Amino acid sequence: MNKIKIKSQMLHLLKIPLLRNFISRWGDKCTILYFHRVIDDKYINLEDGPNRSLCVSSSFFNTLINYLSENYTIISLDNIKKIESIKSKKKILCITFDDGYLDNYLNAVPILNFNKVPATFYITNDFINGKGNIWWYEIWDLLSKINQLEFSFKGKNYKFKTHDTSYKYLAFKKIRSLIMGSDFYD
């Protein structure tokens, strides 16, 4: 794939709100691009539901890393404290991964290693011990199996019809906002 086509694809993708959700800024000096999952191309279409936004395909990730490594100075998150001393005409970028999904190791690490690109992986301790639970996947799994959900939370009753996908998405979004906005999540 030629550089012009890749750059055109990247500019198109940066217009997608989803990709903009994976970009943070470290002042004016550095952009932090963060990921959750990098899924093998043959399985990417199996990911459905609201958690799909956490995933990119291996081929997309490979194309992206190739483009970024040619057009940015990519540093480790450890080196961000030395950012003032980095002399580069290119914009500076850090890459991170949240939650420590196994596909990070299986799919992202080989691509990063091949391109000699540093990245930081945040690993959830309970997953290493086999005790972790990914609540957002569990909620979607539950919603995908039922046609109605009722529960009480903080003294308020909730009732969701979940007989089709659009209602399941609405229920997921509301439940996620309840969890994220609750005291026990802080």
N, C-alpha and C. Protein backbone atom coordinates (compact mmCIF):
# COMPACT_ATOMS: atom_id res chain seq x y z
N MET A 1 0.85 -1.18 0.00
CA MET A 1 0.00 0.00 0.00
C MET A 1 0.90 1.24 0.00
N ASN A 2 0.63 2.17 -0.88
CA ASN A 2 1.49 3.34 -0.95
C ASN A 2 1.20 4.34 0.16
N LYS A 3 2.16 5.23 0.40
CA LYS A 3 2.05 6.19 1.51
C LYS A 3 0.86 7.12 1.35
N ILE A 4 0.56 7.53 0.12
CA ILE A 4 -0.56 8.45 -0.09
C ILE A 4 -1.88 7.79 0.28
N LYS A 5 -2.04 6.53 -0.10
CA LYS A 5 -3.27 5.81 0.24
C LYS A 5 -3.40 5.63 1.75
N ILE A 6 -2.29 5.26 2.39
CA ILE A 6 -2.31 5.10 3.85
C ILE A 6 -2.65 6.42 4.52
N LYS A 7 -2.01 7.50 4.10
CA LYS A 7 -2.27 8.80 4.72
C LYS A 7 -3.73 9.19 4.51
N SER A 8 -4.25 8.94 3.32
CA SER A 8 -5.65 9.25 3.03
C SER A 8 -6.57 8.45 3.95
N GLN A 9 -6.25 7.16 4.13
CA GLN A 9 -7.06 6.33 5.03
C GLN A 9 -6.98 6.85 6.46
N MET A 10 -5.79 7.26 6.90
CA MET A 10 -5.62 7.75 8.27
C MET A 10 -6.42 9.03 8.48
N LEU A 11 -6.35 9.93 7.53
CA LEU A 11 -7.11 11.18 7.67
C LEU A 11 -8.60 10.89 7.71
N HIS A 12 -9.04 9.94 6.89
CA HIS A 12 -10.46 9.55 6.92
C HIS A 12 -10.83 8.98 8.28
N LEU A 13 -9.98 8.11 8.82
CA LEU A 13 -10.27 7.47 10.10
C LEU A 13 -10.26 8.47 11.26
N LEU A 14 -9.39 9.47 11.19
CA LEU A 14 -9.34 10.46 12.26
C LEU A 14 -10.61 11.30 12.33
N LYS A 15 -11.39 11.30 11.26
CA LYS A 15 -12.66 12.02 11.27
C LYS A 15 -13.75 11.22 11.98
N ILE A 16 -13.50 9.93 12.17
CA ILE A 16 -14.47 9.08 12.86
C ILE A 16 -14.42 9.39 14.35
N PRO A 17 -15.55 9.74 14.96
CA PRO A 17 -15.55 10.07 16.39
C PRO A 17 -14.94 8.96 17.24
N LEU A 18 -15.15 7.71 16.87
CA LEU A 18 -14.63 6.61 17.64
C LEU A 18 -13.11 6.71 17.80
N LEU A 19 -12.40 6.94 16.71
CA LEU A 19 -10.95 7.03 16.80
C LEU A 19 -10.53 8.23 17.63
N ARG A 20 -11.26 9.34 17.51
CA ARG A 20 -10.93 10.50 18.33
C ARG A 20 -11.08 10.19 19.81
N ASN A 21 -11.92 9.20 20.16
CA ASN A 21 -12.07 8.81 21.56
C ASN A 21 -10.82 8.12 22.10
N PHE A 22 -9.94 7.67 21.21
CA PHE A 22 -8.74 6.96 21.64
C PHE A 22 -7.51 7.86 21.66
N ILE A 23 -7.72 9.16 21.60
CA ILE A 23 -6.58 10.09 21.57
C ILE A 23 -6.68 11.04 22.75
N SER A 24 -5.59 11.17 23.48
CA SER A 24 -5.49 12.14 24.58
C SER A 24 -4.33 13.08 24.26
N ARG A 25 -4.29 14.19 24.93
CA ARG A 25 -3.19 15.15 24.72
C ARG A 25 -2.40 15.30 26.02
N TRP A 26 -1.10 15.39 25.88
CA TRP A 26 -0.22 15.72 26.99
C TRP A 26 0.27 17.12 26.72
N GLY A 27 -0.52 18.09 27.12
CA GLY A 27 -0.21 19.48 26.80
C GLY A 27 -0.12 19.65 25.30
N ASP A 28 0.77 20.50 24.84
CA ASP A 28 0.96 20.69 23.41
C ASP A 28 2.08 19.82 22.86
N LYS A 29 2.75 19.09 23.72
CA LYS A 29 3.97 18.40 23.33
C LYS A 29 3.75 16.99 22.79
N CYS A 30 2.74 16.30 23.25
CA CYS A 30 2.63 14.88 22.94
C CYS A 30 1.17 14.46 22.82
N THR A 31 0.92 13.55 21.90
CA THR A 31 -0.38 12.92 21.78
C THR A 31 -0.26 11.50 22.33
N ILE A 32 -1.23 11.09 23.12
CA ILE A 32 -1.26 9.73 23.62
C ILE A 32 -2.41 9.01 22.92
N LEU A 33 -2.06 7.96 22.21
CA LEU A 33 -3.04 7.15 21.49
C LEU A 33 -3.23 5.88 22.29
N TYR A 34 -4.45 5.65 22.75
CA TYR A 34 -4.65 4.49 23.61
C TYR A 34 -5.65 3.51 22.99
N PHE A 35 -5.39 2.25 23.27
CA PHE A 35 -6.17 1.14 22.72
C PHE A 35 -6.64 0.24 23.85
N HIS A 36 -7.62 -0.58 23.52
CA HIS A 36 -8.04 -1.65 24.42
C HIS A 36 -7.71 -3.00 23.80
N ARG A 37 -8.24 -3.24 22.60
CA ARG A 37 -8.12 -4.57 22.01
C ARG A 37 -7.64 -4.50 20.57
N VAL A 38 -6.81 -5.47 20.19
CA VAL A 38 -6.37 -5.65 18.81
C VAL A 38 -6.71 -7.10 18.46
N ILE A 39 -7.74 -7.26 17.65
CA ILE A 39 -8.29 -8.59 17.38
C ILE A 39 -7.86 -9.08 16.01
N ASP A 40 -7.49 -10.35 15.95
CA ASP A 40 -7.12 -10.98 14.69
C ASP A 40 -8.23 -10.75 13.65
N ASP A 41 -7.83 -10.46 12.42
CA ASP A 41 -8.79 -10.12 11.36
C ASP A 41 -9.89 -11.16 11.20
N LYS A 42 -9.57 -12.44 11.34
CA LYS A 42 -10.59 -13.47 11.11
C LYS A 42 -11.64 -13.51 12.22
N TYR A 43 -11.39 -12.83 13.35
CA TYR A 43 -12.35 -12.83 14.45
C TYR A 43 -13.00 -11.47 14.70
N ILE A 44 -12.53 -10.43 14.04
CA ILE A 44 -13.01 -9.08 14.34
C ILE A 44 -14.51 -8.95 14.12
N ASN A 45 -15.06 -9.63 13.13
CA ASN A 45 -16.49 -9.52 12.86
C ASN A 45 -17.34 -10.25 13.89
N LEU A 46 -16.72 -11.06 14.74
CA LEU A 46 -17.46 -11.74 15.79
C LEU A 46 -17.74 -10.82 16.98
N GLU A 47 -16.98 -9.73 17.07
CA GLU A 47 -17.20 -8.75 18.13
C GLU A 47 -18.44 -7.93 17.78
N ASP A 48 -19.41 -7.94 18.66
CA ASP A 48 -20.60 -7.15 18.41
C ASP A 48 -20.98 -6.37 19.66
N GLY A 49 -22.02 -5.62 19.54
CA GLY A 49 -22.51 -4.88 20.69
C GLY A 49 -21.72 -3.62 20.95
N PRO A 50 -22.03 -2.98 22.05
CA PRO A 50 -21.41 -1.69 22.37
C PRO A 50 -19.92 -1.79 22.70
N ASN A 51 -19.44 -2.99 23.00
CA ASN A 51 -18.03 -3.15 23.31
C ASN A 51 -17.17 -3.23 22.05
N ARG A 52 -17.80 -3.27 20.91
CA ARG A 52 -17.08 -3.32 19.63
C ARG A 52 -16.18 -2.10 19.47
N SER A 53 -16.58 -1.00 20.08
CA SER A 53 -15.79 0.23 19.95
C SER A 53 -14.44 0.13 20.67
N LEU A 54 -14.24 -0.91 21.44
CA LEU A 54 -12.97 -1.11 22.12
C LEU A 54 -11.96 -1.86 21.25
N CYS A 55 -12.37 -2.26 20.04
CA CYS A 55 -11.58 -3.17 19.21
C CYS A 55 -11.13 -2.55 17.90
N VAL A 56 -9.93 -2.91 17.49
CA VAL A 56 -9.46 -2.66 16.13
C VAL A 56 -8.93 -3.99 15.59
N SER A 57 -8.93 -4.13 14.28
CA SER A 57 -8.41 -5.36 13.68
C SER A 57 -6.89 -5.31 13.64
N SER A 58 -6.28 -6.48 13.54
CA SER A 58 -4.81 -6.56 13.44
C SER A 58 -4.30 -5.84 12.21
N SER A 59 -5.00 -5.99 11.08
CA SER A 59 -4.54 -5.35 9.84
C SER A 59 -4.63 -3.82 9.96
N PHE A 60 -5.71 -3.32 10.57
CA PHE A 60 -5.81 -1.88 10.79
C PHE A 60 -4.68 -1.41 11.69
N PHE A 61 -4.46 -2.14 12.78
CA PHE A 61 -3.42 -1.75 13.74
C PHE A 61 -2.04 -1.76 13.06
N ASN A 62 -1.78 -2.77 12.24
CA ASN A 62 -0.51 -2.85 11.54
C ASN A 62 -0.33 -1.66 10.60
N THR A 63 -1.36 -1.32 9.83
CA THR A 63 -1.31 -0.17 8.93
C THR A 63 -1.09 1.12 9.72
N LEU A 64 -1.81 1.25 10.82
CA LEU A 64 -1.69 2.44 11.65
C LEU A 64 -0.29 2.57 12.23
N ILE A 65 0.26 1.51 12.77
CA ILE A 65 1.60 1.56 13.37
C ILE A 65 2.65 1.86 12.31
N ASN A 66 2.51 1.26 11.13
CA ASN A 66 3.45 1.58 10.04
C ASN A 66 3.41 3.07 9.72
N TYR A 67 2.22 3.60 9.59
CA TYR A 67 2.06 5.02 9.28
C TYR A 67 2.63 5.90 10.41
N LEU A 68 2.25 5.59 11.63
CA LEU A 68 2.69 6.41 12.77
C LEU A 68 4.20 6.36 12.95
N SER A 69 4.79 5.18 12.79
CA SER A 69 6.23 5.07 13.01
C SER A 69 7.03 5.84 11.95
N GLU A 70 6.45 6.04 10.77
CA GLU A 70 7.11 6.82 9.73
C GLU A 70 6.89 8.33 9.90
N ASN A 71 5.79 8.70 10.53
CA ASN A 71 5.40 10.11 10.55
C ASN A 71 5.44 10.78 11.92
N TYR A 72 5.72 10.02 12.96
CA TYR A 72 5.77 10.56 14.31
C TYR A 72 7.03 10.05 15.00
N THR A 73 7.43 10.76 16.03
CA THR A 73 8.44 10.25 16.95
C THR A 73 7.66 9.58 18.07
N ILE A 74 7.78 8.27 18.17
CA ILE A 74 7.02 7.53 19.18
C ILE A 74 7.95 7.23 20.35
N ILE A 75 7.53 7.66 21.52
CA ILE A 75 8.33 7.47 22.73
C ILE A 75 7.54 6.63 23.72
N SER A 76 8.26 6.07 24.68
CA SER A 76 7.58 5.34 25.75
C SER A 76 6.96 6.34 26.72
N LEU A 77 5.99 5.90 27.44
CA LEU A 77 5.35 6.76 28.42
C LEU A 77 6.35 7.17 29.51
N ASP A 78 7.32 6.29 29.80
CA ASP A 78 8.37 6.62 30.76
C ASP A 78 9.17 7.84 30.32
N ASN A 79 9.33 8.01 29.03
CA ASN A 79 10.14 9.13 28.52
C ASN A 79 9.36 10.43 28.39
N ILE A 80 8.09 10.42 28.71
CA ILE A 80 7.30 11.65 28.58
C ILE A 80 7.82 12.72 29.54
N LYS A 81 8.41 12.30 30.65
CA LYS A 81 8.96 13.28 31.59
C LYS A 81 10.20 13.98 31.03
N LYS A 82 10.80 13.40 29.99
CA LYS A 82 11.97 13.99 29.34
C LYS A 82 11.59 14.69 28.04
N ILE A 83 10.33 14.95 27.86
CA ILE A 83 9.84 15.45 26.57
C ILE A 83 10.47 16.76 26.14
N GLU A 84 10.80 17.60 27.09
CA GLU A 84 11.41 18.89 26.76
C GLU A 84 12.78 18.73 26.10
N SER A 85 13.46 17.62 26.40
CA SER A 85 14.80 17.43 25.84
C SER A 85 14.79 16.64 24.52
N ILE A 86 13.64 16.18 24.09
CA ILE A 86 13.56 15.42 22.84
C ILE A 86 13.58 16.37 21.66
N LYS A 87 14.56 16.19 20.82
CA LYS A 87 14.69 17.02 19.62
C LYS A 87 14.11 16.25 18.45
N SER A 88 12.98 16.70 17.97
CA SER A 88 12.34 16.03 16.84
C SER A 88 11.53 17.04 16.05
N LYS A 89 11.63 16.94 14.73
CA LYS A 89 10.80 17.79 13.88
C LYS A 89 9.41 17.20 13.72
N LYS A 90 9.28 15.94 14.07
CA LYS A 90 7.99 15.25 13.98
C LYS A 90 7.22 15.44 15.28
N LYS A 91 5.91 15.31 15.21
CA LYS A 91 5.11 15.33 16.43
C LYS A 91 5.42 14.08 17.25
N ILE A 92 5.28 14.23 18.56
CA ILE A 92 5.62 13.15 19.48
C ILE A 92 4.35 12.41 19.88
N LEU A 93 4.48 11.10 20.00
CA LEU A 93 3.33 10.24 20.25
C LEU A 93 3.72 9.17 21.26
N CYS A 94 2.78 8.82 22.15
CA CYS A 94 2.91 7.66 23.04
C CYS A 94 1.74 6.73 22.73
N ILE A 95 1.96 5.45 22.90
CA ILE A 95 0.91 4.46 22.68
C ILE A 95 0.72 3.67 23.97
N THR A 96 -0.55 3.54 24.39
CA THR A 96 -0.86 2.77 25.59
C THR A 96 -2.01 1.80 25.29
N PHE A 97 -2.12 0.79 26.16
CA PHE A 97 -3.20 -0.19 26.10
C PHE A 97 -3.80 -0.32 27.49
N ASP A 98 -5.12 -0.32 27.56
CA ASP A 98 -5.82 -0.46 28.84
C ASP A 98 -6.31 -1.89 29.04
N ASP A 99 -6.31 -2.32 30.28
CA ASP A 99 -6.96 -3.53 30.76
C ASP A 99 -6.18 -4.83 30.56
N GLY A 100 -5.22 -4.88 29.67
CA GLY A 100 -4.39 -6.07 29.53
C GLY A 100 -5.08 -7.26 28.91
N TYR A 101 -5.83 -7.05 27.85
CA TYR A 101 -6.44 -8.16 27.14
C TYR A 101 -5.36 -9.05 26.55
N LEU A 102 -5.61 -10.35 26.49
CA LEU A 102 -4.66 -11.30 25.92
C LEU A 102 -4.33 -10.96 24.47
N ASP A 103 -5.31 -10.43 23.73
CA ASP A 103 -5.04 -10.11 22.32
C ASP A 103 -4.00 -8.99 22.17
N ASN A 104 -3.78 -8.20 23.21
CA ASN A 104 -2.70 -7.20 23.17
C ASN A 104 -1.36 -7.92 22.98
N TYR A 105 -1.17 -8.96 23.76
CA TYR A 105 0.07 -9.73 23.70
C TYR A 105 0.18 -10.53 22.40
N LEU A 106 -0.92 -11.16 22.02
CA LEU A 106 -0.90 -12.03 20.84
C LEU A 106 -0.83 -11.26 19.52
N ASN A 107 -1.52 -10.13 19.44
CA ASN A 107 -1.65 -9.43 18.16
C ASN A 107 -0.92 -8.10 18.09
N ALA A 108 -0.96 -7.32 19.16
CA ALA A 108 -0.34 -5.99 19.11
C ALA A 108 1.18 -6.05 19.31
N VAL A 109 1.63 -6.83 20.29
CA VAL A 109 3.05 -6.87 20.61
C VAL A 109 3.92 -7.26 19.41
N PRO A 110 3.58 -8.29 18.63
CA PRO A 110 4.42 -8.61 17.47
C PRO A 110 4.51 -7.45 16.47
N ILE A 111 3.44 -6.74 16.25
CA ILE A 111 3.44 -5.60 15.33
C ILE A 111 4.31 -4.48 15.90
N LEU A 112 4.16 -4.20 17.18
CA LEU A 112 4.97 -3.16 17.82
C LEU A 112 6.45 -3.54 17.79
N ASN A 113 6.76 -4.79 18.12
CA ASN A 113 8.16 -5.25 18.10
C ASN A 113 8.76 -5.15 16.71
N PHE A 114 8.03 -5.58 15.70
CA PHE A 114 8.53 -5.54 14.32
C PHE A 114 8.88 -4.12 13.92
N ASN A 115 8.07 -3.16 14.34
CA ASN A 115 8.29 -1.75 14.00
C ASN A 115 9.15 -1.01 15.02
N LYS A 116 9.61 -1.74 16.06
CA LYS A 116 10.43 -1.14 17.13
C LYS A 116 9.73 0.06 17.77
N VAL A 117 8.44 -0.13 18.04
CA VAL A 117 7.61 0.93 18.62
C VAL A 117 7.35 0.60 20.09
N PRO A 118 7.69 1.53 21.00
CA PRO A 118 7.41 1.29 22.42
C PRO A 118 5.93 1.52 22.73
N ALA A 119 5.44 0.83 23.72
CA ALA A 119 4.06 1.02 24.18
C ALA A 119 3.99 0.66 25.66
N THR A 120 2.99 1.21 26.32
CA THR A 120 2.75 0.92 27.73
C THR A 120 1.47 0.12 27.84
N PHE A 121 1.52 -0.97 28.62
CA PHE A 121 0.36 -1.83 28.82
C PHE A 121 -0.06 -1.75 30.28
N TYR A 122 -1.30 -1.40 30.50
CA TYR A 122 -1.86 -1.38 31.85
C TYR A 122 -2.60 -2.71 32.04
N ILE A 123 -2.13 -3.48 33.01
CA ILE A 123 -2.66 -4.81 33.25
C ILE A 123 -3.49 -4.78 34.53
N THR A 124 -4.70 -5.29 34.46
CA THR A 124 -5.55 -5.38 35.64
C THR A 124 -5.11 -6.59 36.45
N ASN A 125 -4.73 -6.37 37.71
CA ASN A 125 -4.15 -7.42 38.54
C ASN A 125 -5.04 -8.66 38.67
N ASP A 126 -6.33 -8.48 38.84
CA ASP A 126 -7.21 -9.62 39.04
C ASP A 126 -7.25 -10.55 37.83
N PHE A 127 -6.98 -10.05 36.65
CA PHE A 127 -6.97 -10.91 35.48
C PHE A 127 -5.78 -11.86 35.52
N ILE A 128 -4.66 -11.40 36.03
CA ILE A 128 -3.48 -12.25 36.15
C ILE A 128 -3.78 -13.41 37.09
N ASN A 129 -4.52 -13.13 38.16
CA ASN A 129 -4.88 -14.15 39.15
C ASN A 129 -6.08 -15.01 38.72
N GLY A 130 -6.65 -14.71 37.57
CA GLY A 130 -7.82 -15.47 37.09
C GLY A 130 -9.10 -15.12 37.82
N LYS A 131 -9.12 -14.00 38.54
CA LYS A 131 -10.30 -13.61 39.31
C LYS A 131 -11.02 -12.39 38.72
N GLY A 132 -10.48 -11.86 37.65
CA GLY A 132 -11.04 -10.64 37.08
C GLY A 132 -12.36 -10.87 36.37
N ASN A 133 -13.12 -9.80 36.31
CA ASN A 133 -14.37 -9.85 35.58
C ASN A 133 -14.51 -8.55 34.83
N ILE A 134 -14.90 -8.66 33.58
CA ILE A 134 -15.04 -7.48 32.73
C ILE A 134 -16.53 -7.15 32.69
N TRP A 135 -16.94 -6.24 33.56
CA TRP A 135 -18.36 -6.00 33.77
C TRP A 135 -19.07 -5.55 32.51
N TRP A 136 -18.41 -4.75 31.65
CA TRP A 136 -19.09 -4.26 30.47
C TRP A 136 -19.40 -5.39 29.49
N TYR A 137 -18.55 -6.41 29.44
CA TYR A 137 -18.85 -7.58 28.61
C TYR A 137 -19.95 -8.43 29.26
N GLU A 138 -19.90 -8.55 30.57
CA GLU A 138 -20.93 -9.33 31.27
C GLU A 138 -22.31 -8.71 31.11
N ILE A 139 -22.38 -7.39 31.18
CA ILE A 139 -23.67 -6.71 31.00
C ILE A 139 -24.20 -6.96 29.59
N TRP A 140 -23.34 -6.80 28.58
CA TRP A 140 -23.81 -7.02 27.21
C TRP A 140 -24.21 -8.48 27.00
N ASP A 141 -23.46 -9.41 27.58
CA ASP A 141 -23.81 -10.82 27.46
C ASP A 141 -25.18 -11.09 28.06
N LEU A 142 -25.45 -10.53 29.23
CA LEU A 142 -26.76 -10.69 29.86
C LEU A 142 -27.85 -10.08 28.99
N LEU A 143 -27.67 -8.85 28.55
CA LEU A 143 -28.68 -8.17 27.74
C LEU A 143 -28.95 -8.91 26.43
N SER A 144 -27.93 -9.54 25.87
CA SER A 144 -28.13 -10.24 24.60
C SER A 144 -28.98 -11.50 24.75
N LYS A 145 -29.15 -11.98 25.99
CA LYS A 145 -29.88 -13.22 26.23
C LYS A 145 -31.30 -13.02 26.75
N ILE A 146 -31.67 -11.79 27.11
CA ILE A 146 -32.98 -11.57 27.73
C ILE A 146 -33.80 -10.57 26.93
N ASN A 147 -35.10 -10.55 27.20
CA ASN A 147 -36.01 -9.61 26.52
C ASN A 147 -36.48 -8.49 27.43
N GLN A 148 -36.14 -8.60 28.72
CA GLN A 148 -36.53 -7.56 29.67
C GLN A 148 -35.62 -7.66 30.88
N LEU A 149 -35.34 -6.51 31.48
CA LEU A 149 -34.49 -6.47 32.67
C LEU A 149 -35.10 -5.49 33.66
N GLU A 150 -35.21 -5.94 34.91
CA GLU A 150 -35.69 -5.08 36.00
C GLU A 150 -34.71 -5.20 37.16
N PHE A 151 -34.41 -4.06 37.79
CA PHE A 151 -33.56 -4.07 38.97
C PHE A 151 -33.74 -2.76 39.72
N SER A 152 -33.27 -2.77 40.97
CA SER A 152 -33.25 -1.56 41.79
C SER A 152 -31.80 -1.16 42.01
N PHE A 153 -31.56 0.13 41.97
CA PHE A 153 -30.21 0.63 42.19
C PHE A 153 -30.32 1.96 42.90
N LYS A 154 -29.67 2.03 44.07
CA LYS A 154 -29.70 3.24 44.89
C LYS A 154 -31.13 3.73 45.15
N GLY A 155 -32.00 2.78 45.47
CA GLY A 155 -33.37 3.12 45.83
C GLY A 155 -34.29 3.46 44.66
N LYS A 156 -33.81 3.31 43.46
CA LYS A 156 -34.63 3.60 42.28
C LYS A 156 -34.81 2.34 41.46
N ASN A 157 -36.04 2.13 40.98
CA ASN A 157 -36.33 0.95 40.17
C ASN A 157 -36.12 1.26 38.69
N TYR A 158 -35.54 0.29 37.99
CA TYR A 158 -35.29 0.42 36.56
C TYR A 158 -35.91 -0.78 35.84
N LYS A 159 -36.48 -0.50 34.68
CA LYS A 159 -37.08 -1.55 33.88
C LYS A 159 -36.75 -1.27 32.42
N PHE A 160 -36.15 -2.25 31.76
CA PHE A 160 -35.75 -2.10 30.37
C PHE A 160 -36.35 -3.21 29.53
N LYS A 161 -36.94 -2.85 28.43
CA LYS A 161 -37.31 -3.83 27.43
C LYS A 161 -36.08 -4.04 26.57
N THR A 162 -35.72 -5.29 26.35
CA THR A 162 -34.51 -5.59 25.59
C THR A 162 -34.81 -6.62 24.50
N HIS A 163 -35.97 -6.48 23.87
CA HIS A 163 -36.41 -7.46 22.88
C HIS A 163 -35.74 -7.30 21.52
N ASP A 164 -35.09 -6.18 21.26
CA ASP A 164 -34.30 -6.07 20.03
C ASP A 164 -33.02 -5.29 20.31
N THR A 165 -32.12 -5.33 19.34
CA THR A 165 -30.78 -4.79 19.54
C THR A 165 -30.77 -3.32 19.92
N SER A 166 -31.64 -2.52 19.32
CA SER A 166 -31.63 -1.09 19.64
C SER A 166 -32.00 -0.85 21.10
N TYR A 167 -32.94 -1.62 21.63
CA TYR A 167 -33.30 -1.48 23.05
C TYR A 167 -32.18 -2.01 23.95
N LYS A 168 -31.50 -3.05 23.49
CA LYS A 168 -30.38 -3.58 24.27
C LYS A 168 -29.26 -2.53 24.38
N TYR A 169 -28.99 -1.82 23.27
CA TYR A 169 -27.99 -0.75 23.30
C TYR A 169 -28.39 0.35 24.27
N LEU A 170 -29.65 0.75 24.24
CA LEU A 170 -30.12 1.80 25.15
C LEU A 170 -29.98 1.37 26.61
N ALA A 171 -30.36 0.12 26.89
CA ALA A 171 -30.24 -0.40 28.25
C ALA A 171 -28.77 -0.43 28.68
N PHE A 172 -27.92 -0.90 27.79
CA PHE A 172 -26.48 -0.96 28.10
C PHE A 172 -25.95 0.43 28.42
N LYS A 173 -26.30 1.38 27.59
CA LYS A 173 -25.82 2.75 27.78
C LYS A 173 -26.27 3.32 29.13
N LYS A 174 -27.51 3.09 29.50
CA LYS A 174 -28.03 3.59 30.78
C LYS A 174 -27.36 2.88 31.96
N ILE A 175 -27.23 1.57 31.87
CA ILE A 175 -26.61 0.81 32.96
C ILE A 175 -25.15 1.21 33.12
N ARG A 176 -24.45 1.37 31.99
CA ARG A 176 -23.05 1.82 32.05
C ARG A 176 -22.95 3.18 32.73
N SER A 177 -23.85 4.10 32.40
CA SER A 177 -23.79 5.43 33.03
C SER A 177 -24.10 5.35 34.52
N LEU A 178 -24.99 4.44 34.92
CA LEU A 178 -25.27 4.26 36.35
C LEU A 178 -24.02 3.77 37.08
N ILE A 179 -23.35 2.80 36.50
CA ILE A 179 -22.15 2.24 37.12
C ILE A 179 -21.03 3.27 37.16
N MET A 180 -20.79 3.91 36.05
CA MET A 180 -19.69 4.88 35.98
C MET A 180 -19.92 6.09 36.87
N GLY A 181 -21.16 6.42 37.11
CA GLY A 181 -21.47 7.59 37.94
C GLY A 181 -21.68 7.27 39.40
N SER A 182 -21.52 6.02 39.79
CA SER A 182 -21.79 5.64 41.18
C SER A 182 -20.55 5.81 42.05
N ASP A 183 -20.80 5.93 43.35
CA ASP A 183 -19.72 6.14 44.32
C ASP A 183 -18.75 4.96 44.36
N PHE A 184 -19.25 3.74 44.21
CA PHE A 184 -18.37 2.60 44.35
C PHE A 184 -17.41 2.45 43.19
N TYR A 185 -17.62 3.16 42.11
CA TYR A 185 -16.72 3.07 40.97
C TYR A 185 -15.51 4.00 41.12
N ASP A 186 -15.61 5.01 41.96
CA ASP A 186 -14.51 5.96 42.15
C ASP A 186 -13.33 5.33 42.83
